[in-house]
Amino acid sequence: MPAYANKFESPKFIEEGILDKEDKRIGTIRIKPSSILWKPVGQQKFYSVSLDDFTKWIASSKTAAKRVGS
């Protein structure tokens, strides 16, 4: 296994199902110390982006992401 710059204390990843407003599953998000993964419902494989790329993208003014208090 490769050495990572960041790590979780435990477990190795966090995974959550994402539901729409009618409680229908729309996909799964998996968060790892090195990457963020997204798998739409009905798909077998995840889309993946490195944590560094995600951090640059989400903080960019082009995404229109808003900072929140919590």
C-alpha atoms as a PDB file:
ATOM      1  CA  MET A   1       0.000   0.000   0.000  1.00  0.00           C
ATOM      2  CA  PRO A   2       1.385   3.458  -0.888  1.00  0.00           C
ATOM      3  CA  ALA A   3       2.282   5.941   1.824  1.00  0.00           C
ATOM      4  CA  TYR A   4      -0.254   8.782   2.065  1.00  0.00           C
ATOM      5  CA  ALA A   5       0.370  12.366   3.159  1.00  0.00           C
ATOM      6  CA  ASN A   6      -2.865  12.383   5.189  1.00  0.00           C
ATOM      7  CA  LYS A   7      -4.694   9.666   7.096  1.00  0.00           C
ATOM      8  CA  PHE A   8      -7.781   9.005   9.197  1.00  0.00           C
ATOM      9  CA  GLU A   9      -7.425   7.658  12.704  1.00  0.00           C
ATOM     10  CA  SER A  10     -10.076   5.058  11.838  1.00  0.00           C
ATOM     11  CA  PRO A  11     -11.701   3.734   9.602  1.00  0.00           C
ATOM     12  CA  LYS A  12      -9.831   3.808   6.266  1.00  0.00           C
ATOM     13  CA  PHE A  13     -12.687   5.693   4.567  1.00  0.00           C
ATOM     14  CA  ILE A  14     -16.096   7.180   5.288  1.00  0.00           C
ATOM     15  CA  GLU A  15     -18.958   6.236   2.980  1.00  0.00           C
ATOM     16  CA  GLU A  16     -22.490   7.612   2.911  1.00  0.00           C
ATOM     17  CA  GLY A  17     -25.487   7.127   0.642  1.00  0.00           C
ATOM     18  CA  ILE A  18     -26.984  10.359  -0.697  1.00  0.00           C
ATOM     19  CA  LEU A  19     -30.788  10.579  -0.832  1.00  0.00           C
ATOM     20  CA  ASP A  20     -32.988  13.057  -2.684  1.00  0.00           C
ATOM     21  CA  LYS A  21     -35.931  14.883  -1.113  1.00  0.00           C
ATOM     22  CA  GLU A  22     -38.124  11.793  -1.542  1.00  0.00           C
ATOM     23  CA  ASP A  23     -35.538   9.587   0.230  1.00  0.00           C
ATOM     24  CA  LYS A  24     -34.572   7.912  -3.036  1.00  0.00           C
ATOM     25  CA  ARG A  25     -30.868   7.073  -3.243  1.00  0.00           C
ATOM     26  CA  ILE A  26     -29.078   9.111  -5.911  1.00  0.00           C
ATOM     27  CA  GLY A  27     -25.547   7.933  -5.228  1.00  0.00           C
ATOM     28  CA  THR A  28     -22.755   7.191  -2.798  1.00  0.00           C
ATOM     29  CA  ILE A  29     -19.949   9.448  -1.631  1.00  0.00           C
ATOM     30  CA  ARG A  30     -16.757   7.993  -0.203  1.00  0.00           C
ATOM     31  CA  ILE A  31     -14.182  10.173   1.517  1.00  0.00           C
ATOM     32  CA  LYS A  32     -10.608   8.946   1.851  1.00  0.00           C
ATOM     33  CA  PRO A  33      -7.586  10.806   3.217  1.00  0.00           C
ATOM     34  CA  SER A  34      -6.252  11.128  -0.339  1.00  0.00           C
ATOM     35  CA  SER A  35      -9.404  11.427  -2.473  1.00  0.00           C
ATOM     36  CA  ILE A  36     -13.142  12.035  -2.810  1.00  0.00           C
ATOM     37  CA  LEU A  37     -15.143   9.416  -4.731  1.00  0.00           C
ATOM     38  CA  TRP A  38     -18.672   9.609  -6.190  1.00  0.00           C
ATOM     39  CA  LYS A  39     -20.753   6.736  -7.566  1.00  0.00           C
ATOM     40  CA  PRO A  40     -24.179   7.498  -9.062  1.00  0.00           C
ATOM     41  CA  VAL A  41     -26.899   4.958  -8.302  1.00  0.00           C
ATOM     42  CA  GLY A  42     -26.847   2.062 -10.761  1.00  0.00           C
ATOM     43  CA  GLN A  43     -23.153   2.451 -11.548  1.00  0.00           C
ATOM     44  CA  GLN A  44     -20.498  -0.089 -10.628  1.00  0.00           C
ATOM     45  CA  LYS A  45     -17.444   2.172 -10.445  1.00  0.00           C
ATOM     46  CA  PHE A  46     -16.660   5.388  -8.602  1.00  0.00           C
ATOM     47  CA  TYR A  47     -15.544   8.677 -10.105  1.00  0.00           C
ATOM     48  CA  SER A  48     -12.478   9.857  -8.171  1.00  0.00           C
ATOM     49  CA  VAL A  49     -10.656  13.141  -7.636  1.00  0.00           C
ATOM     50  CA  SER A  50      -7.612  13.715  -5.471  1.00  0.00           C
ATOM     51  CA  LEU A  51      -8.078  15.652  -2.244  1.00  0.00           C
ATOM     52  CA  ASP A  52      -5.614  18.273  -3.548  1.00  0.00           C
ATOM     53  CA  ASP A  53      -7.629  18.775  -6.751  1.00  0.00           C
ATOM     54  CA  PHE A  54     -10.908  18.871  -4.803  1.00  0.00           C
ATOM     55  CA  THR A  55      -9.477  21.471  -2.395  1.00  0.00           C
ATOM     56  CA  LYS A  56      -8.353  23.697  -5.282  1.00  0.00           C
ATOM     57  CA  TRP A  57     -11.708  23.292  -7.059  1.00  0.00           C
ATOM     58  CA  ILE A  58     -13.999  23.932  -4.082  1.00  0.00           C
ATOM     59  CA  ALA A  59     -12.040  27.030  -2.984  1.00  0.00           C
ATOM     60  CA  SER A  60     -12.031  28.519  -6.500  1.00  0.00           C
ATOM     61  CA  SER A  61     -14.252  31.543  -7.142  1.00  0.00           C
ATOM     62  CA  LYS A  62     -15.432  29.806 -10.334  1.00  0.00           C
ATOM     63  CA  THR A  63     -17.399  27.178  -8.372  1.00  0.00           C
ATOM     64  CA  ALA A  64     -19.481  29.806  -6.523  1.00  0.00           C
ATOM     65  CA  ALA A  65     -19.119  27.699  -3.372  1.00  0.00           C
ATOM     66  CA  LYS A  66     -20.094  29.625  -0.253  1.00  0.00           C
ATOM     67  CA  ARG A  67     -18.298  29.522   3.102  1.00  0.00           C
ATOM     68  CA  VAL A  68     -20.562  28.428   5.954  1.00  0.00           C
ATOM     69  CA  GLY A  69     -20.424  28.902   9.699  1.00  0.00           C
ATOM     70  CA  SER A  70     -20.465  25.229  10.656  1.00  0.00           C
END
